[in-house]
Amino acid sequence: MSSGNGNDLHTEEDKRSLLGLVEQMIAQAMADGADASQIHVADQIGISATARNRDLEKVEFDRARSFGVRVYVGQSKGVTSTSDTSEAAIQEAIRRAIDIAKYTEPDPYGGLADEDRLATSFPNLDVYHPQPLNADELIERAIAVDVAAMDHSSELIPSDGSAAHAGSTISVLGNSLGFLQSSASTHYALYGEAIAQDSQGNKQVEGWSSSHCDPSELDPPDSVGVVAADRALSRLHPQSIKTGKYPVLFDSSTSRSLFSALISAISGDMLYLKESYLYDSLGKQVATKELTLTEYPFLENAVGSSAYDRDGVATSEKSFIKDGVVESYALRTYTGRRLGMPSTGNAGRLCNLTVESKKTSYRDLIKATGNGIMVTQLKGAGANILTGDYSTGIAGYWIENGEVAFPIENVTIAGKLPEIFNQIIGFGDDIDTRRSIRTGSTLIESMTVAAD
């Protein structure tokens, strides 16, 4: 895609060129003295338009290519990267990686992925939807989002801007075991920001977005702007609450952080270092029996889909947590070897991790909260994976008698992760599919809530 009009994103020629380049780089690394090598290249094209105060603010066009080089000399590893695409820079990156490996201590757990774990099947996952979307159309959409937000209420003032984006990425991964594969994906997004201001000059900032690999799946621009405006308006006039223990309802956007923490606690990097409260938890109950976390790498038209991980290992459908019990760790090649287990195909990513449970409507979850809080923003560190402590600042709403009563801020919630995951009493049907962790709202029976 160009900054002009009517051009596609990446072409088939781009893909062929990158495949050939990676193949040449692997051959060069081996010729220069590496015993094994892996090359990753990512080529990105993107164009964004930003609007502010009902008018165009800027248009940006980006074209970036990055190279990651990993080589092994014996069991010693050397890693370099470069964004300089010249032939001399690429050759220098390979030479430097080999030099680094020669002066690095051997690691018996290192090396490329086991050959029998490499992906051999590459289904069409329908994540590449190139369109001749041009700068003029993006400008129109960005302005439409901003106008819809600004015109929604007299209490709204100019924000830092709304935006529309279109982009394409081609990635190629290859290694000296013969693995060589490319993947292409597109990304389209609309974002709206709104600032609401009351008569005393107090301000609240909120935003909303719609994103997808298929542009036809985006929400209309005016809808994105109105939702951002409504969220900002609803945050005006926050009130104080008393410190105590209350039910806590995480909305769909903040619920992701909970399940991300749970997966981090059973990830290989934390486990082999013994820095997780869930060390040696395989086969043990760690959450409510109502919770199952399953990975679906082959969902079509989904942002988290992939046939292989960053080691080239085949992905697979699997449950990490089933009925509250740890059924699988999340492992890459290296961490699997450290733990004496095979890679699970999770080097660098989760593939559509889905919270599976009996679902309740969002409205019924609010009602079930009774007197408690709804979390819509997280402000702080959150989970300590080593100790299992959880503490973060939040903004959201006070729920009274099962109804949203008023906004709150400057509130901290705290608890222990084992207790939090065992005290989940409701899962919402408001599933957010825009991220690689797919979950709805989550209701925790009780957490400590500290207020000013």
Protein backbone atom coordinates (compact mmCIF):
# COMPACT_ATOMS: atom_id res chain seq x y z
CA MET A 1 0.00 0.00 0.00
CA SER A 2 1.27 3.46 -0.73
CA SER A 3 0.43 6.87 0.62
CA GLY A 4 -1.32 7.62 -2.62
CA ASN A 5 -4.57 6.11 -3.84
CA GLY A 6 -5.74 2.65 -4.78
CA ASN A 7 -2.64 0.50 -4.18
CA ASP A 8 -2.71 -2.95 -2.61
CA LEU A 9 -0.63 -3.84 0.40
CA HIS A 10 1.99 -6.58 -0.07
CA THR A 11 2.25 -8.50 -3.32
CA GLU A 12 3.15 -12.10 -4.15
CA GLU A 13 6.47 -10.81 -5.45
CA ASP A 14 7.23 -9.36 -2.00
CA LYS A 15 6.67 -12.79 -0.48
CA ARG A 16 8.81 -14.60 -3.04
CA SER A 17 11.60 -12.07 -2.57
CA LEU A 18 11.61 -12.48 1.21
CA LEU A 19 11.59 -16.28 0.99
CA GLY A 20 14.58 -16.15 -1.32
CA LEU A 21 16.39 -13.71 0.95
CA VAL A 22 15.93 -15.87 4.05
CA GLU A 23 17.14 -18.93 2.16
CA GLN A 24 20.27 -17.05 1.09
CA MET A 25 20.92 -15.80 4.64
CA ILE A 26 20.70 -19.32 6.07
CA ALA A 27 23.14 -20.58 3.43
CA GLN A 28 25.53 -17.71 4.18
CA ALA A 29 25.43 -18.35 7.93
CA MET A 30 26.29 -22.00 7.39
CA ALA A 31 29.07 -21.12 4.96
CA ASP A 32 30.52 -18.61 7.45
CA GLY A 33 30.89 -21.24 10.17
CA ALA A 34 27.56 -21.73 11.92
CA ASP A 35 26.52 -25.28 12.76
CA ALA A 36 22.83 -24.28 12.76
CA SER A 37 20.97 -21.10 11.94
CA GLN A 38 17.51 -19.56 12.03
CA ILE A 39 16.44 -16.37 10.28
CA HIS A 40 13.26 -14.37 10.80
CA VAL A 41 12.26 -11.43 8.59
CA ALA A 42 9.22 -9.22 9.10
CA ASP A 43 8.17 -6.72 6.46
CA GLN A 44 5.49 -4.20 7.44
CA ILE A 45 3.54 -1.62 5.46
CA GLY A 46 1.12 0.71 7.16
CA ILE A 47 -0.72 3.97 6.70
CA SER A 48 -2.54 5.91 9.41
CA ALA A 49 -4.64 9.04 9.44
CA THR A 50 -5.27 11.02 12.62
CA ALA A 51 -8.04 13.58 13.12
CA ARG A 52 -8.43 16.14 15.89
CA ASN A 53 -11.11 18.74 16.56
CA ARG A 54 -13.12 17.57 13.52
CA ASP A 55 -10.25 18.03 11.07
CA LEU A 56 -7.24 16.16 9.72
CA GLU A 57 -4.17 16.30 11.93
CA LYS A 58 -1.68 14.10 10.08
CA VAL A 59 -1.17 11.17 7.74
CA GLU A 60 1.72 8.76 8.31
CA PHE A 61 3.06 6.10 5.98
CA ASP A 62 5.41 3.44 7.31
CA ARG A 63 7.51 0.78 5.61
CA ALA A 64 9.76 -1.23 7.88
CA ARG A 65 11.73 -4.44 7.53
CA SER A 66 13.58 -6.16 10.35
CA PHE A 67 15.88 -9.17 10.43
CA GLY A 68 16.46 -11.50 13.36
CA VAL A 69 19.50 -13.76 13.13
CA ARG A 70 20.11 -16.72 15.45
CA VAL A 71 23.08 -19.03 14.96
CA TYR A 72 24.68 -21.88 16.90
CA VAL A 73 28.31 -22.86 16.95
CA GLY A 74 28.23 -26.17 18.74
CA GLN A 75 25.88 -25.49 21.66
CA SER A 76 26.73 -21.79 21.89
CA LYS A 77 24.24 -19.24 20.62
CA GLY A 78 24.68 -15.88 18.94
CA VAL A 79 21.78 -13.52 18.26
CA THR A 80 21.71 -10.24 16.33
CA SER A 81 19.11 -8.11 14.63
CA THR A 82 19.09 -5.29 12.13
CA SER A 83 16.64 -3.00 10.41
CA ASP A 84 19.20 -2.01 7.78
CA THR A 85 18.18 -3.88 4.65
CA SER A 86 21.41 -3.37 2.72
CA GLU A 87 23.34 -6.47 1.71
CA ALA A 88 26.40 -5.32 3.64
CA ALA A 89 24.37 -4.80 6.85
CA ILE A 90 22.76 -8.22 6.58
CA GLN A 91 26.12 -9.91 6.03
CA GLU A 92 27.56 -8.04 9.01
CA ALA A 93 24.65 -9.13 11.23
CA ILE A 94 25.33 -12.76 10.35
CA ARG A 95 29.07 -12.41 11.01
CA ARG A 96 28.46 -10.70 14.35
CA ALA A 97 26.05 -13.45 15.42
CA ILE A 98 28.67 -16.09 14.67
CA ASP A 99 31.34 -14.12 16.54
CA ILE A 100 29.03 -13.81 19.56
CA ALA A 101 28.38 -17.55 19.53
CA LYS A 102 32.11 -18.30 19.52
CA TYR A 103 32.55 -16.37 22.76
CA THR A 104 29.36 -17.57 24.50
CA GLU A 105 29.26 -20.37 27.03
CA PRO A 106 27.74 -23.59 25.65
CA ASP A 107 24.17 -24.32 26.74
CA PRO A 108 23.12 -27.98 26.57
CA TYR A 109 19.47 -26.95 26.29
CA GLY A 110 20.02 -24.67 23.30
CA GLY A 111 19.68 -25.33 19.60
CA LEU A 112 16.99 -25.27 16.97
CA ALA A 113 13.65 -26.95 17.50
CA ASP A 114 13.54 -30.74 17.24
CA GLU A 115 12.98 -31.54 13.59
CA ASP A 116 9.99 -33.78 14.27
CA ARG A 117 8.22 -30.87 16.05
CA LEU A 118 8.41 -28.50 13.08
CA ALA A 119 5.17 -27.61 11.32
CA THR A 120 4.43 -29.42 8.07
CA SER A 121 0.82 -28.36 7.50
CA PHE A 122 -0.06 -24.77 6.65
CA PRO A 123 -3.82 -24.23 6.25
CA ASN A 124 -5.26 -20.98 4.93
CA LEU A 125 -6.30 -19.15 8.10
CA ASP A 126 -7.98 -16.28 6.22
CA VAL A 127 -6.10 -13.49 7.99
CA TYR A 128 -4.88 -11.68 4.87
CA HIS A 129 -7.41 -9.30 3.33
CA PRO A 130 -5.52 -6.75 1.22
CA GLN A 131 -7.61 -3.87 -0.06
CA PRO A 132 -6.88 -0.87 -2.27
CA LEU A 133 -7.69 1.33 0.71
CA ASN A 134 -6.15 4.75 0.18
CA ALA A 135 -5.12 7.73 2.28
CA ASP A 136 -8.19 9.77 1.34
CA GLU A 137 -10.52 7.05 2.62
CA LEU A 138 -8.57 6.70 5.87
CA ILE A 139 -8.70 10.46 6.40
CA GLU A 140 -12.46 10.40 5.87
CA ARG A 141 -12.89 7.60 8.41
CA ALA A 142 -10.68 9.18 11.05
CA ILE A 143 -12.54 12.48 10.77
CA ALA A 144 -15.89 10.66 10.92
CA VAL A 145 -14.88 9.01 14.22
CA ASP A 146 -13.79 12.33 15.70
CA VAL A 147 -16.87 14.22 14.52
CA ALA A 148 -19.20 11.55 15.93
CA ALA A 149 -17.47 11.78 19.31
CA MET A 150 -17.36 15.59 19.43
CA ASP A 151 -20.95 16.08 18.26
CA HIS A 152 -22.36 13.63 20.79
CA SER A 153 -22.51 16.09 23.68
CA SER A 154 -21.72 19.70 24.59
CA GLU A 155 -19.65 18.34 27.50
CA LEU A 156 -17.03 16.96 25.10
CA ILE A 157 -13.88 18.92 24.27
CA PRO A 158 -11.15 18.25 21.67
CA SER A 159 -9.14 15.13 22.50
CA ASP A 160 -5.71 14.00 21.38
CA GLY A 161 -7.34 12.57 18.31
CA SER A 162 -9.08 9.74 16.54
CA ALA A 163 -7.42 7.50 13.99
CA ALA A 164 -7.86 5.06 11.13
CA HIS A 165 -5.18 2.57 10.16
CA ALA A 166 -4.54 -0.05 7.50
CA GLY A 167 -1.51 -2.29 7.47
CA SER A 168 0.01 -5.47 6.14
CA THR A 169 2.76 -7.75 7.44
CA ILE A 170 4.65 -10.54 5.75
CA SER A 171 6.81 -12.70 8.01
CA VAL A 172 9.24 -15.36 6.84
CA LEU A 173 10.86 -17.91 9.15
CA GLY A 174 13.51 -20.33 8.03
CA ASN A 175 16.16 -22.55 9.56
CA SER A 176 18.96 -24.85 8.54
CA LEU A 177 16.80 -27.92 9.18
CA GLY A 178 14.92 -27.12 5.98
CA PHE A 179 11.98 -25.24 7.48
CA LEU A 180 11.06 -22.23 5.32
CA GLN A 181 7.64 -20.67 5.52
CA SER A 182 5.92 -17.32 5.07
CA SER A 183 2.77 -15.88 6.58
CA ALA A 184 0.83 -12.76 5.64
CA SER A 185 -1.71 -10.82 7.65
CA THR A 186 -3.55 -7.53 7.41
CA HIS A 187 -4.67 -5.21 10.17
CA TYR A 188 -7.34 -2.54 10.01
CA ALA A 189 -8.37 -0.36 12.92
CA LEU A 190 -10.46 2.60 13.97
CA TYR A 191 -9.81 4.37 17.23
CA GLY A 192 -11.72 7.14 18.93
CA GLU A 193 -10.73 9.16 21.97
CA ALA A 194 -13.07 11.47 23.86
CA ILE A 195 -12.57 13.95 26.70
CA ALA A 196 -15.61 14.86 28.75
CA GLN A 197 -15.47 18.01 30.91
CA ASP A 198 -17.97 19.10 33.53
CA SER A 199 -18.92 22.66 34.54
CA GLN A 200 -16.12 22.74 37.16
CA GLY A 201 -13.49 21.84 34.57
CA ASN A 202 -12.99 18.26 35.73
CA LYS A 203 -12.05 15.99 32.85
CA GLN A 204 -12.38 12.30 32.05
CA VAL A 205 -10.62 10.63 29.11
CA GLU A 206 -11.88 7.45 27.48
CA GLY A 207 -11.44 5.66 24.19
CA TRP A 208 -12.85 2.92 22.04
CA SER A 209 -11.55 0.93 19.10
CA SER A 210 -12.55 -1.55 16.47
CA SER A 211 -9.93 -3.72 14.79
CA HIS A 212 -9.81 -6.77 12.58
CA CYS A 213 -7.81 -8.45 9.85
CA ASP A 214 -10.86 -8.06 7.56
CA PRO A 215 -11.93 -4.42 7.03
CA SER A 216 -15.54 -5.46 6.43
CA GLU A 217 -15.68 -6.58 10.09
CA LEU A 218 -14.93 -3.12 11.50
CA ASP A 219 -17.61 -1.18 13.35
CA PRO A 220 -18.87 1.94 11.54
CA PRO A 221 -16.75 5.05 12.28
CA ASP A 222 -19.64 6.95 13.89
CA SER A 223 -20.31 4.01 16.21
CA VAL A 224 -16.68 3.99 17.40
CA GLY A 225 -16.85 7.73 18.10
CA VAL A 226 -20.16 7.54 19.97
CA VAL A 227 -19.02 4.67 22.18
CA ALA A 228 -15.83 6.57 23.09
CA ALA A 229 -17.94 9.64 23.92
CA ASP A 230 -20.44 7.70 26.03
CA ARG A 231 -17.61 6.06 27.97
CA ALA A 232 -16.04 9.44 28.75
CA LEU A 233 -19.38 11.02 29.74
CA SER A 234 -20.20 8.10 32.03
CA ARG A 235 -16.94 8.72 33.92
CA LEU A 236 -17.88 12.28 34.95
CA HIS A 237 -18.66 13.07 38.59
CA PRO A 238 -16.88 10.12 40.25
CA GLN A 239 -17.80 9.45 43.87
CA SER A 240 -15.99 7.86 46.79
CA ILE A 241 -16.68 4.47 48.33
CA LYS A 242 -15.69 2.82 51.58
CA THR A 243 -12.72 0.50 51.92
CA GLY A 244 -13.82 -3.10 52.35
CA LYS A 245 -14.25 -6.49 50.73
CA TYR A 246 -16.61 -6.54 47.77
CA PRO A 247 -17.47 -8.56 44.67
CA VAL A 248 -15.39 -7.34 41.72
CA LEU A 249 -16.57 -7.53 38.12
CA PHE A 250 -13.79 -7.19 35.53
CA ASP A 251 -15.17 -6.09 32.16
CA SER A 252 -14.09 -7.93 29.01
CA SER A 253 -11.09 -5.65 28.37
CA THR A 254 -9.66 -5.92 31.90
CA SER A 255 -10.48 -9.63 32.28
CA ARG A 256 -7.69 -10.40 29.81
CA SER A 257 -5.11 -9.35 32.37
CA LEU A 258 -6.31 -12.02 34.80
CA PHE A 259 -5.98 -14.89 32.35
CA SER A 260 -2.72 -13.51 30.99
CA ALA A 261 -1.36 -13.72 34.54
CA LEU A 262 -2.57 -17.31 34.88
CA ILE A 263 -0.89 -18.36 31.63
CA SER A 264 2.30 -16.51 32.64
CA ALA A 265 2.34 -18.55 35.85
CA ILE A 266 2.39 -21.80 33.85
CA SER A 267 4.78 -20.60 31.13
CA GLY A 268 8.11 -22.31 30.76
CA ASP A 269 10.28 -19.25 31.35
CA MET A 270 8.78 -18.69 34.81
CA LEU A 271 8.69 -22.38 35.66
CA TYR A 272 12.26 -23.43 34.89
CA LEU A 273 13.52 -20.42 36.84
CA LYS A 274 11.17 -21.40 39.70
CA GLU A 275 9.76 -17.89 39.69
CA SER A 276 6.09 -18.85 39.59
CA TYR A 277 3.67 -19.58 42.37
CA LEU A 278 2.42 -22.41 40.13
CA TYR A 279 5.77 -24.21 39.92
CA ASP A 280 5.19 -27.98 39.73
CA SER A 281 1.44 -27.50 39.23
CA LEU A 282 0.84 -29.93 36.35
CA GLY A 283 -2.23 -32.02 37.15
CA LYS A 284 -3.18 -29.85 40.12
CA GLN A 285 -6.33 -27.79 40.76
CA VAL A 286 -5.47 -24.09 40.50
CA ALA A 287 -8.80 -22.47 39.69
CA THR A 288 -12.54 -23.00 39.94
CA LYS A 289 -13.76 -26.18 38.26
CA GLU A 290 -15.87 -23.94 36.02
CA LEU A 291 -12.76 -22.63 34.22
CA THR A 292 -11.24 -24.14 31.09
CA LEU A 293 -8.64 -22.27 29.01
CA THR A 294 -8.21 -23.67 25.51
CA GLU A 295 -6.01 -22.52 22.65
CA TYR A 296 -7.44 -22.57 19.10
CA PRO A 297 -4.64 -21.80 16.61
CA PHE A 298 -6.63 -22.61 13.48
CA LEU A 299 -9.66 -20.34 13.81
CA GLU A 300 -10.26 -18.69 10.47
CA ASN A 301 -10.28 -14.90 10.25
CA ALA A 302 -9.00 -14.51 13.84
CA VAL A 303 -6.13 -12.31 15.00
CA GLY A 304 -4.38 -15.01 17.05
CA SER A 305 -4.32 -17.79 14.46
CA SER A 306 -1.06 -19.37 13.35
CA ALA A 307 0.13 -22.77 12.15
CA TYR A 308 3.55 -22.47 13.84
CA ASP A 309 5.33 -20.53 16.55
CA ARG A 310 8.53 -18.47 16.41
CA ASP A 311 10.62 -21.63 16.62
CA GLY A 312 8.77 -23.11 13.64
CA VAL A 313 7.10 -25.68 15.92
CA ALA A 314 3.60 -26.73 14.92
CA THR A 315 0.80 -25.26 16.98
CA SER A 316 -2.09 -27.39 18.19
CA GLU A 317 -5.49 -27.10 19.80
CA LYS A 318 -5.08 -27.80 23.52
CA SER A 319 -6.34 -26.91 26.96
CA PHE A 320 -3.85 -25.36 29.38
CA ILE A 321 -6.46 -25.40 32.15
CA LYS A 322 -9.31 -27.92 32.09
CA ASP A 323 -12.00 -27.85 34.77
CA GLY A 324 -9.62 -25.78 36.90
CA VAL A 325 -6.72 -28.28 36.61
CA VAL A 326 -3.40 -27.52 34.88
CA GLU A 327 -3.39 -29.83 31.88
CA SER A 328 -0.45 -28.35 29.96
CA TYR A 329 2.29 -25.80 30.48
CA ALA A 330 2.98 -23.18 27.79
CA LEU A 331 6.43 -24.04 26.44
CA ARG A 332 8.84 -22.99 23.74
CA THR A 333 11.65 -25.25 22.60
CA TYR A 334 14.24 -24.01 25.10
CA THR A 335 12.02 -23.95 28.17
CA GLY A 336 10.60 -27.35 27.30
CA ARG A 337 14.09 -28.81 27.29
CA ARG A 338 14.87 -27.17 30.62
CA LEU A 339 11.79 -28.87 32.07
CA GLY A 340 12.32 -32.18 30.26
CA MET A 341 9.19 -31.73 28.16
CA PRO A 342 8.45 -31.18 24.46
CA SER A 343 7.62 -27.72 23.17
CA THR A 344 3.90 -26.93 23.11
CA GLY A 345 4.31 -24.57 20.14
CA ASN A 346 4.08 -21.42 22.23
CA ALA A 347 7.30 -19.60 21.43
CA GLY A 348 6.37 -15.94 21.36
CA ARG A 349 2.61 -16.17 21.31
CA LEU A 350 -0.73 -17.55 22.41
CA CYS A 351 -3.13 -18.55 19.67
CA ASN A 352 -6.70 -17.51 20.42
CA LEU A 353 -6.65 -18.49 24.07
CA THR A 354 -10.34 -18.88 24.87
CA VAL A 355 -12.05 -18.81 28.24
CA GLU A 356 -14.53 -21.66 28.15
CA SER A 357 -17.24 -21.95 30.76
CA LYS A 358 -20.95 -21.61 31.26
CA LYS A 359 -21.69 -18.05 30.14
CA THR A 360 -23.96 -15.49 31.77
CA SER A 361 -25.30 -12.36 30.11
CA TYR A 362 -23.40 -9.17 30.92
CA ARG A 363 -26.54 -7.66 32.43
CA ASP A 364 -27.07 -10.67 34.70
CA LEU A 365 -23.44 -10.49 35.85
CA ILE A 366 -23.98 -6.88 36.92
CA LYS A 367 -27.09 -7.95 38.79
CA ALA A 368 -25.21 -10.83 40.44
CA THR A 369 -22.52 -8.39 41.65
CA GLY A 370 -25.05 -6.92 44.08
CA ASN A 371 -23.04 -4.28 45.94
CA GLY A 372 -19.53 -4.19 44.48
CA ILE A 373 -17.38 -2.66 41.78
CA MET A 374 -16.94 -2.95 38.05
CA VAL A 375 -13.39 -2.56 36.73
CA THR A 376 -12.97 -0.86 33.35
CA GLN A 377 -9.40 0.48 33.65
CA LEU A 378 -6.26 -0.97 35.25
CA LYS A 379 -3.57 1.38 36.56
CA GLY A 380 -0.57 -0.42 37.94
CA ALA A 381 1.60 -3.52 38.06
CA GLY A 382 -1.11 -6.09 38.83
CA ALA A 383 0.14 -9.64 39.31
CA ASN A 384 3.33 -10.80 41.00
CA ILE A 385 3.80 -14.23 39.42
CA LEU A 386 6.41 -15.34 41.95
CA THR A 387 4.36 -14.71 45.09
CA GLY A 388 0.85 -14.87 43.65
CA ASP A 389 0.06 -11.41 45.03
CA TYR A 390 -2.28 -9.21 43.01
CA SER A 391 -2.68 -5.47 43.49
CA THR A 392 -3.53 -2.70 41.06
CA GLY A 393 -5.15 0.69 40.86
CA ILE A 394 -8.42 0.77 38.95
CA ALA A 395 -11.13 3.01 37.62
CA GLY A 396 -14.66 1.82 37.02
CA TYR A 397 -18.11 1.98 38.59
CA TRP A 398 -19.84 1.24 41.85
CA ILE A 399 -22.64 -1.28 41.49
CA GLU A 400 -25.46 -1.03 44.02
CA ASN A 401 -28.29 -3.52 44.34
CA GLY A 402 -27.31 -5.00 40.97
CA GLU A 403 -27.36 -1.68 39.09
CA VAL A 404 -24.52 0.56 37.91
CA ALA A 405 -24.72 3.52 40.32
CA PHE A 406 -21.82 5.95 39.74
CA PRO A 407 -18.19 6.11 38.52
CA ILE A 408 -15.25 5.58 40.88
CA GLU A 409 -11.51 6.26 40.66
CA ASN A 410 -8.40 6.30 42.86
CA VAL A 411 -9.33 2.82 44.04
CA THR A 412 -6.99 -0.15 44.57
CA ILE A 413 -8.02 -3.79 44.46
CA ALA A 414 -5.93 -6.59 45.94
CA GLY A 415 -5.94 -10.31 46.56
CA LYS A 416 -4.06 -13.57 46.08
CA LEU A 417 -4.15 -15.13 42.62
CA PRO A 418 -4.99 -18.63 43.93
CA GLU A 419 -8.00 -17.20 45.76
CA ILE A 420 -9.03 -14.98 42.85
CA PHE A 421 -9.12 -17.85 40.35
CA ASN A 422 -10.96 -20.10 42.78
CA GLN A 423 -13.50 -17.38 43.56
CA ILE A 424 -14.65 -16.76 40.00
CA ILE A 425 -18.45 -17.05 40.17
CA GLY A 426 -19.46 -15.79 36.75
CA PHE A 427 -18.24 -15.60 33.15
CA GLY A 428 -19.82 -13.11 30.75
CA ASP A 429 -21.04 -13.76 27.23
CA ASP A 430 -19.65 -10.37 26.05
CA ILE A 431 -16.63 -12.01 24.41
CA ASP A 432 -13.95 -9.65 23.10
CA THR A 433 -12.40 -11.28 20.02
CA ARG A 434 -10.05 -8.39 19.13
CA ARG A 435 -7.08 -9.88 21.00
CA SER A 436 -5.33 -13.24 21.24
CA ILE A 437 -6.97 -13.81 24.65
CA ARG A 438 -10.70 -14.17 24.06
CA THR A 439 -12.82 -13.59 27.15
CA GLY A 440 -15.91 -11.83 28.38
CA SER A 441 -16.45 -10.17 31.75
CA THR A 442 -15.40 -12.08 34.88
CA LEU A 443 -17.00 -11.83 38.31
CA ILE A 444 -14.86 -12.47 41.42
CA GLU A 445 -16.79 -13.26 44.60
CA SER A 446 -14.67 -11.07 46.89
CA MET A 447 -11.53 -8.90 46.78
CA THR A 448 -10.06 -6.27 49.06
CA VAL A 449 -10.97 -2.78 47.83
CA ALA A 450 -9.07 0.22 49.20
CA ALA A 451 -10.44 3.69 48.50
CA ASP A 452 -9.21 7.18 49.33
